[in-house]
Amino acid sequence: MLGIGGSGKTTFSKQMQIIHQGNFDEERAKSYTSILLTNILLGLKAIATEVKDLEDTENYKISRWVQTLDENQAQWNEELIGKVKALWGDPGILKTWKDIKDGVIIQLDYLMDNLDRFVSPGFIPTNDDILRARQRTTGELLSTFEDQKYQWNLIDVGGQFAERVKWAKIFESPTPQAIIFFLAIDEYNVPNTELKTEHHKTKLELALSVFKDYLCDAGPVLEKKLCRIVFLNKVDVFSEKIQNPAKFAEFKRALGYEGEESAEKCAAAVRERMAAIAAESKLAKGEHNEVYFHVTNALDTSLMTKVTQEIKKSIITSTMQDLGLA
């Protein structure tokens, strides 16, 4: 699985665990508690640095105090819980979050709605909690799943710039049978903060560049007989976002889109852009140049179960064709 940071690769990997093996075991599930609480503080700290006006003057002190906390070392005692709730309940914080949520923890409202449960004695995260726990991937994480006929090895690869330079190693022995490239469709107006030289790009623009450079023009990929799959992910967030006229206008400018406000049609416009990139690249000159697209919400287990069955069929068919058996 390839894609820039935050595109949903790890969430999908968790879904594969849920789909094939059911619930996470208790020990592993409990390990996500600290991640959920860390996500809350990271989100609030990001908002606190941007907020201009707070309704409760006491919350100015809390806002400054929260910004000094080490989210990884914070003690979730009654004082911290109370201050976090007070800050989240301030209309100024909520307004700022809605204005800048593209650049912070998107699921912060879910996390705050469930804070009391997270800090309760004996708490064990549910599958829904685990899917929303955000943690950056570094290196490669291998997961193995089995269905009735086959064993599937899924490699989750870090998507930050420092990790992408290592992607070529993935195509060394053993050769993967497929690449799933994740693109967060909602990030058409989210600033790219990876490299100072590319701050003028949005994360969607960066993702399109990475798609071209690594999947369509890179030698190691072109040399392999691979099934290429693209997930246009986070359609749930995207669908909600474009209901805002100003944000829909931003999408139209970003993609040169002139159609109606429809998540399905907008996603088709992104798919067409990626298909055009592939058609104009070195990939188009090879025999194995087909790209399969899926519009996804990696948080939706029912949807991802269906998508998983579809991509398995694509991968098996592609492999059989390469072996001359289909």
C-alpha atoms as a PDB file:
ATOM      1  CA  MET A   1       0.000   0.000   0.000  1.00  0.00           C
ATOM      2  CA  LEU A   2       1.435   3.339  -1.088  1.00  0.00           C
ATOM      3  CA  GLY A   3       0.280   6.930  -0.668  1.00  0.00           C
ATOM      4  CA  ILE A   4       1.308  10.116   1.096  1.00  0.00           C
ATOM      5  CA  GLY A   5       0.867  10.485   4.856  1.00  0.00           C
ATOM      6  CA  GLY A   6      -2.691  10.592   6.149  1.00  0.00           C
ATOM      7  CA  SER A   7      -4.304   9.050   3.066  1.00  0.00           C
ATOM      8  CA  GLY A   8      -5.826   6.100   4.926  1.00  0.00           C
ATOM      9  CA  LYS A   9      -3.437   3.193   4.381  1.00  0.00           C
ATOM     10  CA  THR A  10      -3.210   2.171   8.026  1.00  0.00           C
ATOM     11  CA  THR A  11      -6.963   2.511   8.502  1.00  0.00           C
ATOM     12  CA  PHE A  12      -7.483   0.074   5.638  1.00  0.00           C
ATOM     13  CA  SER A  13      -4.947  -2.304   7.180  1.00  0.00           C
ATOM     14  CA  LYS A  14      -7.009  -2.248  10.381  1.00  0.00           C
ATOM     15  CA  GLN A  15     -10.144  -2.917   8.349  1.00  0.00           C
ATOM     16  CA  MET A  16      -8.492  -5.977   6.835  1.00  0.00           C
ATOM     17  CA  GLN A  17      -7.897  -7.239  10.378  1.00  0.00           C
ATOM     18  CA  ILE A  18     -11.560  -6.675  11.257  1.00  0.00           C
ATOM     19  CA  ILE A  19     -12.884  -8.190   8.014  1.00  0.00           C
ATOM     20  CA  HIS A  20     -10.747 -11.336   8.136  1.00  0.00           C
ATOM     21  CA  GLN A  21     -10.134 -11.921  11.839  1.00  0.00           C
ATOM     22  CA  GLY A  22     -12.886 -10.078  13.680  1.00  0.00           C
ATOM     23  CA  ASN A  23     -12.169  -7.976  16.762  1.00  0.00           C
ATOM     24  CA  PHE A  24      -8.665  -7.061  17.854  1.00  0.00           C
ATOM     25  CA  ASP A  25      -7.394  -9.064  20.815  1.00  0.00           C
ATOM     26  CA  GLU A  26      -7.740  -7.257  24.145  1.00  0.00           C
ATOM     27  CA  GLU A  27      -4.055  -6.488  24.638  1.00  0.00           C
ATOM     28  CA  ARG A  28      -3.664  -4.938  21.199  1.00  0.00           C
ATOM     29  CA  ALA A  29      -6.948  -3.058  21.524  1.00  0.00           C
ATOM     30  CA  LYS A  30      -5.860  -1.519  24.817  1.00  0.00           C
ATOM     31  CA  SER A  31      -2.681  -0.216  23.178  1.00  0.00           C
ATOM     32  CA  TYR A  32      -4.824   2.220  21.168  1.00  0.00           C
ATOM     33  CA  THR A  33      -6.110   4.006  24.285  1.00  0.00           C
ATOM     34  CA  SER A  34      -3.000   6.167  24.579  1.00  0.00           C
ATOM     35  CA  ILE A  35      -3.134   6.943  20.848  1.00  0.00           C
ATOM     36  CA  LEU A  36      -6.742   8.134  21.095  1.00  0.00           C
ATOM     37  CA  LEU A  37      -5.905  10.426  24.016  1.00  0.00           C
ATOM     38  CA  THR A  38      -2.782  11.702  22.276  1.00  0.00           C
ATOM     39  CA  ASN A  39      -4.896  12.511  19.201  1.00  0.00           C
ATOM     40  CA  ILE A  40      -7.214  14.626  21.368  1.00  0.00           C
ATOM     41  CA  LEU A  41      -4.380  16.742  22.715  1.00  0.00           C
ATOM     42  CA  LEU A  42      -2.736  17.077  19.309  1.00  0.00           C
ATOM     43  CA  GLY A  43      -6.008  18.317  17.860  1.00  0.00           C
ATOM     44  CA  LEU A  44      -6.700  20.774  20.667  1.00  0.00           C
ATOM     45  CA  LYS A  45      -3.144  22.111  20.582  1.00  0.00           C
ATOM     46  CA  ALA A  46      -3.431  22.753  16.834  1.00  0.00           C
ATOM     47  CA  ILE A  47      -6.703  24.611  17.350  1.00  0.00           C
ATOM     48  CA  ALA A  48      -5.393  26.557  20.354  1.00  0.00           C
ATOM     49  CA  THR A  49      -2.545  27.993  18.287  1.00  0.00           C
ATOM     50  CA  GLU A  50      -5.045  29.369  15.735  1.00  0.00           C
ATOM     51  CA  VAL A  51      -8.005  30.503  17.833  1.00  0.00           C
ATOM     52  CA  LYS A  52      -8.581  34.261  17.963  1.00  0.00           C
ATOM     53  CA  ASP A  53     -11.560  34.759  20.268  1.00  0.00           C
ATOM     54  CA  LEU A  54     -12.823  32.672  23.165  1.00  0.00           C
ATOM     55  CA  GLU A  55     -16.153  33.225  24.873  1.00  0.00           C
ATOM     56  CA  ASP A  56     -14.922  32.309  28.369  1.00  0.00           C
ATOM     57  CA  THR A  57     -11.908  34.375  29.454  1.00  0.00           C
ATOM     58  CA  GLU A  58     -10.735  31.495  31.669  1.00  0.00           C
ATOM     59  CA  ASN A  59     -10.295  29.413  28.550  1.00  0.00           C
ATOM     60  CA  TYR A  60      -7.496  31.715  27.360  1.00  0.00           C
ATOM     61  CA  LYS A  61      -5.420  30.412  30.274  1.00  0.00           C
ATOM     62  CA  ILE A  62      -6.443  26.842  29.552  1.00  0.00           C
ATOM     63  CA  SER A  63      -5.594  27.295  25.874  1.00  0.00           C
ATOM     64  CA  ARG A  64      -2.082  28.499  26.704  1.00  0.00           C
ATOM     65  CA  TRP A  65      -1.665  25.719  29.267  1.00  0.00           C
ATOM     66  CA  VAL A  66      -2.734  22.998  26.816  1.00  0.00           C
ATOM     67  CA  GLN A  67      -0.148  24.211  24.321  1.00  0.00           C
ATOM     68  CA  THR A  68       2.626  23.554  26.864  1.00  0.00           C
ATOM     69  CA  LEU A  69       1.632  19.928  27.449  1.00  0.00           C
ATOM     70  CA  ASP A  70       3.580  16.981  26.103  1.00  0.00           C
ATOM     71  CA  GLU A  71       0.765  14.959  24.547  1.00  0.00           C
ATOM     72  CA  ASN A  72       2.729  11.729  25.012  1.00  0.00           C
ATOM     73  CA  GLN A  73       3.357  12.269  28.733  1.00  0.00           C
ATOM     74  CA  ALA A  74       0.132  13.959  29.832  1.00  0.00           C
ATOM     75  CA  GLN A  75      -1.622  12.507  32.891  1.00  0.00           C
ATOM     76  CA  TRP A  76      -5.346  12.221  32.249  1.00  0.00           C
ATOM     77  CA  ASN A  77      -6.499  13.190  35.722  1.00  0.00           C
ATOM     78  CA  GLU A  78      -9.663  15.092  36.649  1.00  0.00           C
ATOM     79  CA  GLU A  79      -7.932  18.449  36.154  1.00  0.00           C
ATOM     80  CA  LEU A  80      -6.855  17.703  32.588  1.00  0.00           C
ATOM     81  CA  ILE A  81     -10.181  16.113  31.658  1.00  0.00           C
ATOM     82  CA  GLY A  82     -12.092  19.100  33.023  1.00  0.00           C
ATOM     83  CA  LYS A  83      -9.928  21.644  31.218  1.00  0.00           C
ATOM     84  CA  VAL A  84     -10.078  19.754  27.936  1.00  0.00           C
ATOM     85  CA  LYS A  85     -13.879  19.619  28.136  1.00  0.00           C
ATOM     86  CA  ALA A  86     -14.101  23.324  29.021  1.00  0.00           C
ATOM     87  CA  LEU A  87     -11.907  24.251  26.075  1.00  0.00           C
ATOM     88  CA  TRP A  88     -13.789  22.045  23.617  1.00  0.00           C
ATOM     89  CA  GLY A  89     -17.078  23.493  24.795  1.00  0.00           C
ATOM     90  CA  ASP A  90     -16.062  27.065  24.003  1.00  0.00           C
ATOM     91  CA  PRO A  91     -17.788  28.345  20.826  1.00  0.00           C
ATOM     92  CA  GLY A  92     -14.540  30.010  19.761  1.00  0.00           C
ATOM     93  CA  ILE A  93     -12.717  26.659  19.768  1.00  0.00           C
ATOM     94  CA  LEU A  94     -15.513  24.951  17.876  1.00  0.00           C
ATOM     95  CA  LYS A  95     -15.625  27.704  15.251  1.00  0.00           C
ATOM     96  CA  THR A  96     -11.860  27.551  14.765  1.00  0.00           C
ATOM     97  CA  TRP A  97     -11.973  23.769  14.484  1.00  0.00           C
ATOM     98  CA  LYS A  98     -14.619  23.949  11.750  1.00  0.00           C
ATOM     99  CA  ASP A  99     -12.532  26.550   9.929  1.00  0.00           C
ATOM    100  CA  ILE A 100      -9.239  24.639  10.068  1.00  0.00           C
ATOM    101  CA  LYS A 101     -10.302  21.008  10.600  1.00  0.00           C
ATOM    102  CA  ASP A 102      -8.747  20.031   7.274  1.00  0.00           C
ATOM    103  CA  GLY A 103      -5.336  20.487   8.842  1.00  0.00           C
ATOM    104  CA  VAL A 104      -5.963  18.853  12.231  1.00  0.00           C
ATOM    105  CA  ILE A 105      -7.392  15.605  13.587  1.00  0.00           C
ATOM    106  CA  ILE A 106     -10.493  15.217  11.408  1.00  0.00           C
ATOM    107  CA  GLN A 107     -12.175  12.835  13.855  1.00  0.00           C
ATOM    108  CA  LEU A 108     -11.725  15.174  16.839  1.00  0.00           C
ATOM    109  CA  ASP A 109     -15.487  15.539  17.379  1.00  0.00           C
ATOM    110  CA  TYR A 110     -15.833  11.751  17.639  1.00  0.00           C
ATOM    111  CA  LEU A 111     -12.924  11.588  20.058  1.00  0.00           C
ATOM    112  CA  MET A 112     -14.300  14.339  22.286  1.00  0.00           C
ATOM    113  CA  ASP A 113     -17.789  12.819  22.265  1.00  0.00           C
ATOM    114  CA  ASN A 114     -16.242   9.642  23.656  1.00  0.00           C
ATOM    115  CA  LEU A 115     -13.668  11.134  26.038  1.00  0.00           C
ATOM    116  CA  ASP A 116     -15.480   9.964  29.187  1.00  0.00           C
ATOM    117  CA  ARG A 117     -15.455   6.422  27.860  1.00  0.00           C
ATOM    118  CA  PHE A 118     -11.769   6.628  26.921  1.00  0.00           C
ATOM    119  CA  VAL A 119     -10.721   7.618  30.462  1.00  0.00           C
ATOM    120  CA  SER A 120     -13.060   5.246  32.308  1.00  0.00           C
ATOM    121  CA  PRO A 121     -11.506   2.364  34.321  1.00  0.00           C
ATOM    122  CA  GLY A 122     -11.146  -0.842  32.350  1.00  0.00           C
ATOM    123  CA  PHE A 123     -11.774   0.853  28.997  1.00  0.00           C
ATOM    124  CA  ILE A 124     -11.109  -1.318  25.939  1.00  0.00           C
ATOM    125  CA  PRO A 125     -11.280   0.463  22.549  1.00  0.00           C
ATOM    126  CA  THR A 126     -13.901  -0.795  20.118  1.00  0.00           C
ATOM    127  CA  ASN A 127     -13.248  -1.396  16.436  1.00  0.00           C
ATOM    128  CA  ASP A 128     -14.738   2.033  15.665  1.00  0.00           C
ATOM    129  CA  ASP A 129     -12.342   3.640  18.146  1.00  0.00           C
ATOM    130  CA  ILE A 130      -9.338   1.808  16.730  1.00  0.00           C
ATOM    131  CA  LEU A 131     -10.185   2.801  13.168  1.00  0.00           C
ATOM    132  CA  ARG A 132     -10.164   6.462  14.246  1.00  0.00           C
ATOM    133  CA  ALA A 133      -6.880   6.287  16.178  1.00  0.00           C
ATOM    134  CA  ARG A 134      -4.341   8.186  14.064  1.00  0.00           C
ATOM    135  CA  GLN A 135      -0.693   7.147  14.240  1.00  0.00           C
ATOM    136  CA  ARG A 136       2.028   7.857  11.702  1.00  0.00           C
ATOM    137  CA  THR A 137       3.516   4.807  10.026  1.00  0.00           C
ATOM    138  CA  THR A 138       7.282   4.542   9.710  1.00  0.00           C
ATOM    139  CA  GLY A 139       9.039   1.793   7.817  1.00  0.00           C
ATOM    140  CA  GLU A 140       6.998  -1.203   6.701  1.00  0.00           C
ATOM    141  CA  LEU A 141       4.253  -3.003   8.613  1.00  0.00           C
ATOM    142  CA  LEU A 142       3.375  -6.479   7.364  1.00  0.00           C
ATOM    143  CA  SER A 143      -0.038  -7.992   8.031  1.00  0.00           C
ATOM    144  CA  THR A 144      -1.087 -11.471   6.927  1.00  0.00           C
ATOM    145  CA  PHE A 145      -4.681 -12.540   6.310  1.00  0.00           C
ATOM    146  CA  GLU A 146      -6.308 -15.672   4.980  1.00  0.00           C
ATOM    147  CA  ASP A 147      -9.561 -16.360   3.213  1.00  0.00           C
ATOM    148  CA  GLN A 148     -10.924 -19.683   1.955  1.00  0.00           C
ATOM    149  CA  LYS A 149      -8.306 -20.123  -0.766  1.00  0.00           C
ATOM    150  CA  TYR A 150      -5.408 -17.715  -0.377  1.00  0.00           C
ATOM    151  CA  GLN A 151      -3.028 -16.080   2.043  1.00  0.00           C
ATOM    152  CA  TRP A 152      -2.672 -12.328   1.595  1.00  0.00           C
ATOM    153  CA  ASN A 153       0.353 -10.343   2.728  1.00  0.00           C
ATOM    154  CA  LEU A 154      -0.403  -6.648   3.103  1.00  0.00           C
ATOM    155  CA  ILE A 155       2.506  -4.218   3.470  1.00  0.00           C
ATOM    156  CA  ASP A 156       1.664  -0.815   4.934  1.00  0.00           C
ATOM    157  CA  VAL A 157       4.441   1.597   3.969  1.00  0.00           C
ATOM    158  CA  GLY A 158       5.050   5.008   5.538  1.00  0.00           C
ATOM    159  CA  GLY A 159       4.027   7.866   3.250  1.00  0.00           C
ATOM    160  CA  GLN A 160       6.008  10.841   4.557  1.00  0.00           C
ATOM    161  CA  PHE A 161       8.804  12.209   2.350  1.00  0.00           C
ATOM    162  CA  ALA A 162      11.551  10.452   4.315  1.00  0.00           C
ATOM    163  CA  GLU A 163       9.685   7.158   3.908  1.00  0.00           C
ATOM    164  CA  ARG A 164       8.891   7.536   0.210  1.00  0.00           C
ATOM    165  CA  VAL A 165      12.559   7.507  -0.736  1.00  0.00           C
ATOM    166  CA  LYS A 166      12.610   3.891   0.502  1.00  0.00           C
ATOM    167  CA  TRP A 167       9.694   2.714  -1.620  1.00  0.00           C
ATOM    168  CA  ALA A 168      11.898   1.248  -4.352  1.00  0.00           C
ATOM    169  CA  LYS A 169      13.012  -1.505  -1.951  1.00  0.00           C
ATOM    170  CA  ILE A 170       9.476  -2.849  -1.882  1.00  0.00           C
ATOM    171  CA  PHE A 171       9.851  -4.044  -5.445  1.00  0.00           C
ATOM    172  CA  GLU A 172      12.802  -6.234  -4.628  1.00  0.00           C
ATOM    173  CA  SER A 173      12.276  -9.937  -3.913  1.00  0.00           C
ATOM    174  CA  PRO A 174       9.670 -11.179  -3.209  1.00  0.00           C
ATOM    175  CA  THR A 175       7.811  -9.327  -5.938  1.00  0.00           C
ATOM    176  CA  PRO A 176       4.439  -7.917  -4.867  1.00  0.00           C
ATOM    177  CA  GLN A 177       1.434  -8.870  -6.962  1.00  0.00           C
ATOM    178  CA  ALA A 178      -0.320  -5.529  -6.608  1.00  0.00           C
ATOM    179  CA  ILE A 179      -0.014  -1.923  -5.514  1.00  0.00           C
ATOM    180  CA  ILE A 180      -2.879  -0.119  -3.827  1.00  0.00           C
ATOM    181  CA  PHE A 181      -2.302   3.617  -4.049  1.00  0.00           C
ATOM    182  CA  PHE A 182      -4.278   5.751  -1.593  1.00  0.00           C
ATOM    183  CA  LEU A 183      -5.289   9.311  -2.420  1.00  0.00           C
ATOM    184  CA  ALA A 184      -7.307  11.344   0.112  1.00  0.00           C
ATOM    185  CA  ILE A 185      -9.851  13.015  -2.148  1.00  0.00           C
ATOM    186  CA  ASP A 186     -10.772  15.574   0.522  1.00  0.00           C
ATOM    187  CA  GLU A 187      -7.296  17.145   0.582  1.00  0.00           C
ATOM    188  CA  TYR A 188      -7.737  19.364  -2.479  1.00  0.00           C
ATOM    189  CA  ASN A 189      -7.467  22.469  -0.240  1.00  0.00           C
ATOM    190  CA  VAL A 190      -5.185  21.160   2.522  1.00  0.00           C
ATOM    191  CA  PRO A 191      -1.729  22.804   2.451  1.00  0.00           C
ATOM    192  CA  ASN A 192       1.264  20.549   1.951  1.00  0.00           C
ATOM    193  CA  THR A 193       3.660  21.048   4.865  1.00  0.00           C
ATOM    194  CA  GLU A 194       6.255  18.398   4.006  1.00  0.00           C
ATOM    195  CA  LEU A 195       8.871  20.432   2.151  1.00  0.00           C
ATOM    196  CA  LYS A 196       9.386  24.191   2.225  1.00  0.00           C
ATOM    197  CA  THR A 197      10.043  24.153  -1.507  1.00  0.00           C
ATOM    198  CA  GLU A 198       6.582  22.666  -2.122  1.00  0.00           C
ATOM    199  CA  HIS A 199       4.443  24.604   0.353  1.00  0.00           C
ATOM    200  CA  HIS A 200       2.617  26.148  -2.596  1.00  0.00           C
ATOM    201  CA  LYS A 201       1.086  22.744  -3.367  1.00  0.00           C
ATOM    202  CA  THR A 202      -1.974  21.222  -1.742  1.00  0.00           C
ATOM    203  CA  LYS A 203      -1.778  17.663  -0.429  1.00  0.00           C
ATOM    204  CA  LEU A 204      -3.900  16.531  -3.371  1.00  0.00           C
ATOM    205  CA  GLU A 205      -1.427  18.071  -5.804  1.00  0.00           C
ATOM    206  CA  LEU A 206       1.399  16.351  -3.948  1.00  0.00           C
ATOM    207  CA  ALA A 207      -0.452  13.026  -4.080  1.00  0.00           C
ATOM    208  CA  LEU A 208      -0.960  13.361  -7.838  1.00  0.00           C
ATOM    209  CA  SER A 209       2.759  14.090  -8.287  1.00  0.00           C
ATOM    210  CA  VAL A 210       3.664  11.045  -6.189  1.00  0.00           C
ATOM    211  CA  PHE A 211       1.234   8.908  -8.213  1.00  0.00           C
ATOM    212  CA  LYS A 212       2.915  10.002 -11.439  1.00  0.00           C
ATOM    213  CA  ASP A 213       6.489   9.723 -10.199  1.00  0.00           C
ATOM    214  CA  TYR A 214       6.238   6.413  -8.350  1.00  0.00           C
ATOM    215  CA  LEU A 215       3.483   4.442 -10.076  1.00  0.00           C
ATOM    216  CA  CYS A 216       3.528   5.725 -13.645  1.00  0.00           C
ATOM    217  CA  ASP A 217       7.119   6.717 -14.404  1.00  0.00           C
ATOM    218  CA  ALA A 218       9.337   4.890 -11.884  1.00  0.00           C
ATOM    219  CA  GLY A 219      11.543   2.180 -13.376  1.00  0.00           C
ATOM    220  CA  PRO A 220      11.204  -0.426 -10.581  1.00  0.00           C
ATOM    221  CA  VAL A 221       7.401  -0.306 -10.837  1.00  0.00           C
ATOM    222  CA  LEU A 222       7.249  -0.374 -14.621  1.00  0.00           C
ATOM    223  CA  GLU A 223       9.483  -3.437 -14.751  1.00  0.00           C
ATOM    224  CA  LYS A 224       7.061  -5.500 -12.657  1.00  0.00           C
ATOM    225  CA  LYS A 225       3.873  -7.237 -13.686  1.00  0.00           C
ATOM    226  CA  LEU A 226       1.623  -5.608 -11.127  1.00  0.00           C
ATOM    227  CA  CYS A 227      -2.062  -5.069 -10.605  1.00  0.00           C
ATOM    228  CA  ARG A 228      -2.397  -1.318  -9.999  1.00  0.00           C
ATOM    229  CA  ILE A 229      -5.297  -0.182  -7.822  1.00  0.00           C
ATOM    230  CA  VAL A 230      -6.184   3.331  -6.689  1.00  0.00           C
ATOM    231  CA  PHE A 231      -8.389   4.139  -3.703  1.00  0.00           C
ATOM    232  CA  LEU A 232      -9.934   7.601  -3.888  1.00  0.00           C
ATOM    233  CA  ASN A 233     -10.344   7.619  -0.131  1.00  0.00           C
ATOM    234  CA  LYS A 234     -12.144   9.704   2.496  1.00  0.00           C
ATOM    235  CA  VAL A 235     -15.172  10.249   0.300  1.00  0.00           C
ATOM    236  CA  ASP A 236     -17.222  10.668   3.503  1.00  0.00           C
ATOM    237  CA  VAL A 237     -15.202  13.721   4.550  1.00  0.00           C
ATOM    238  CA  PHE A 238     -15.156  14.982   0.976  1.00  0.00           C
ATOM    239  CA  SER A 239     -18.929  14.691   0.598  1.00  0.00           C
ATOM    240  CA  GLU A 240     -19.490  16.731   3.751  1.00  0.00           C
ATOM    241  CA  LYS A 241     -16.883  19.304   2.770  1.00  0.00           C
ATOM    242  CA  ILE A 242     -18.269  20.187  -0.650  1.00  0.00           C
ATOM    243  CA  GLN A 243     -21.660  20.978   0.882  1.00  0.00           C
ATOM    244  CA  ASN A 244     -19.998  24.216   1.976  1.00  0.00           C
ATOM    245  CA  PRO A 245     -20.296  26.541  -1.062  1.00  0.00           C
ATOM    246  CA  ALA A 246     -16.905  28.157  -0.442  1.00  0.00           C
ATOM    247  CA  LYS A 247     -15.138  24.800  -0.191  1.00  0.00           C
ATOM    248  CA  PHE A 248     -16.953  23.452  -3.236  1.00  0.00           C
ATOM    249  CA  ALA A 249     -15.735  26.527  -5.129  1.00  0.00           C
ATOM    250  CA  GLU A 250     -12.175  25.668  -4.032  1.00  0.00           C
ATOM    251  CA  PHE A 251     -12.587  22.164  -5.437  1.00  0.00           C
ATOM    252  CA  LYS A 252     -13.858  23.532  -8.729  1.00  0.00           C
ATOM    253  CA  ARG A 253     -10.800  25.787  -9.008  1.00  0.00           C
ATOM    254  CA  ALA A 254      -8.395  23.028  -7.994  1.00  0.00           C
ATOM    255  CA  LEU A 255      -9.650  20.530 -10.559  1.00  0.00           C
ATOM    256  CA  GLY A 256     -11.055  22.857 -13.191  1.00  0.00           C
ATOM    257  CA  TYR A 257     -14.370  21.174 -12.441  1.00  0.00           C
ATOM    258  CA  GLU A 258     -17.538  22.663 -13.890  1.00  0.00           C
ATOM    259  CA  GLY A 259     -20.113  20.072 -12.855  1.00  0.00           C
ATOM    260  CA  GLU A 260     -22.652  19.902 -10.076  1.00  0.00           C
ATOM    261  CA  GLU A 261     -22.118  19.399  -6.359  1.00  0.00           C
ATOM    262  CA  SER A 262     -22.065  15.614  -6.352  1.00  0.00           C
ATOM    263  CA  ALA A 263     -19.471  13.559  -4.500  1.00  0.00           C
ATOM    264  CA  GLU A 264     -19.788  10.828  -7.120  1.00  0.00           C
ATOM    265  CA  LYS A 265     -19.237  13.184 -10.065  1.00  0.00           C
ATOM    266  CA  CYS A 266     -16.459  15.083  -8.314  1.00  0.00           C
ATOM    267  CA  ALA A 267     -14.689  11.806  -7.539  1.00  0.00           C
ATOM    268  CA  ALA A 268     -15.055  10.889 -11.209  1.00  0.00           C
ATOM    269  CA  ALA A 269     -13.268  14.136 -12.097  1.00  0.00           C
ATOM    270  CA  VAL A 270     -10.328  13.173  -9.869  1.00  0.00           C
ATOM    271  CA  ARG A 271     -10.307   9.688 -11.392  1.00  0.00           C
ATOM    272  CA  GLU A 272     -10.225  11.185 -14.882  1.00  0.00           C
ATOM    273  CA  ARG A 273      -7.290  13.398 -13.880  1.00  0.00           C
ATOM    274  CA  MET A 274      -5.343  10.384 -12.629  1.00  0.00           C
ATOM    275  CA  ALA A 275      -6.248   8.312 -15.682  1.00  0.00           C
ATOM    276  CA  ALA A 276      -4.963  11.133 -17.890  1.00  0.00           C
ATOM    277  CA  ILE A 277      -1.694  11.238 -15.931  1.00  0.00           C
ATOM    278  CA  ALA A 278      -1.276   7.477 -16.430  1.00  0.00           C
ATOM    279  CA  ALA A 279      -2.131   7.724 -20.137  1.00  0.00           C
ATOM    280  CA  GLU A 280       0.572  10.337 -20.705  1.00  0.00           C
ATOM    281  CA  SER A 281       3.263   8.495 -18.727  1.00  0.00           C
ATOM    282  CA  LYS A 282       5.734   5.707 -19.395  1.00  0.00           C
ATOM    283  CA  LEU A 283       3.203   3.288 -17.908  1.00  0.00           C
ATOM    284  CA  ALA A 284       0.953   3.664 -20.963  1.00  0.00           C
ATOM    285  CA  LYS A 285       3.710   2.282 -23.201  1.00  0.00           C
ATOM    286  CA  GLY A 286       3.884  -1.042 -21.358  1.00  0.00           C
ATOM    287  CA  GLU A 287       1.698  -4.128 -21.514  1.00  0.00           C
ATOM    288  CA  HIS A 288       0.555  -3.981 -17.901  1.00  0.00           C
ATOM    289  CA  ASN A 289      -0.896  -0.493 -17.858  1.00  0.00           C
ATOM    290  CA  GLU A 290      -4.435  -0.858 -16.540  1.00  0.00           C
ATOM    291  CA  VAL A 291      -5.346   1.033 -13.355  1.00  0.00           C
ATOM    292  CA  TYR A 292      -8.391   0.031 -11.292  1.00  0.00           C
ATOM    293  CA  PHE A 293     -10.134   2.814  -9.357  1.00  0.00           C
ATOM    294  CA  HIS A 294     -12.360   2.575  -6.287  1.00  0.00           C
ATOM    295  CA  VAL A 295     -14.063   5.375  -4.349  1.00  0.00           C
ATOM    296  CA  THR A 296     -13.685   4.479  -0.691  1.00  0.00           C
ATOM    297  CA  ASN A 297     -14.278   5.372   2.925  1.00  0.00           C
ATOM    298  CA  ALA A 298     -11.768   3.308   4.883  1.00  0.00           C
ATOM    299  CA  LEU A 299     -13.812   3.787   8.083  1.00  0.00           C
ATOM    300  CA  ASP A 300     -16.831   1.987   6.607  1.00  0.00           C
ATOM    301  CA  THR A 301     -16.413  -1.739   7.273  1.00  0.00           C
ATOM    302  CA  SER A 302     -19.393  -2.750   5.133  1.00  0.00           C
ATOM    303  CA  LEU A 303     -18.158  -0.774   2.118  1.00  0.00           C
ATOM    304  CA  MET A 304     -14.563  -1.914   2.526  1.00  0.00           C
ATOM    305  CA  THR A 305     -15.670  -5.556   2.737  1.00  0.00           C
ATOM    306  CA  LYS A 306     -17.207  -5.196  -0.728  1.00  0.00           C
ATOM    307  CA  VAL A 307     -14.202  -3.302  -2.078  1.00  0.00           C
ATOM    308  CA  THR A 308     -11.835  -5.935  -0.671  1.00  0.00           C
ATOM    309  CA  GLN A 309     -13.675  -8.690  -2.532  1.00  0.00           C
ATOM    310  CA  GLU A 310     -13.455  -6.679  -5.757  1.00  0.00           C
ATOM    311  CA  ILE A 311      -9.739  -6.016  -5.494  1.00  0.00           C
ATOM    312  CA  LYS A 312      -9.029  -9.653  -4.655  1.00  0.00           C
ATOM    313  CA  LYS A 313     -10.735 -10.643  -7.888  1.00  0.00           C
ATOM    314  CA  SER A 314      -8.705  -8.058  -9.809  1.00  0.00           C
ATOM    315  CA  ILE A 315      -5.430  -9.267  -8.315  1.00  0.00           C
ATOM    316  CA  ILE A 316      -6.210 -12.957  -8.894  1.00  0.00           C
ATOM    317  CA  THR A 317      -7.295 -12.304 -12.496  1.00  0.00           C
ATOM    318  CA  SER A 318      -4.171 -10.235 -13.181  1.00  0.00           C
ATOM    319  CA  THR A 319      -1.910 -12.929 -11.699  1.00  0.00           C
ATOM    320  CA  MET A 320      -3.600 -15.711 -13.650  1.00  0.00           C
ATOM    321  CA  GLN A 321      -3.217 -13.740 -16.893  1.00  0.00           C
ATOM    322  CA  ASP A 322       0.481 -13.212 -16.215  1.00  0.00           C
ATOM    323  CA  LEU A 323       0.857 -16.976 -15.739  1.00  0.00           C
ATOM    324  CA  GLY A 324      -1.020 -17.636 -18.972  1.00  0.00           C
ATOM    325  CA  LEU A 325      -3.836 -19.390 -17.114  1.00  0.00           C
ATOM    326  CA  ALA A 326      -6.631 -16.969 -17.999  1.00  0.00           C
END
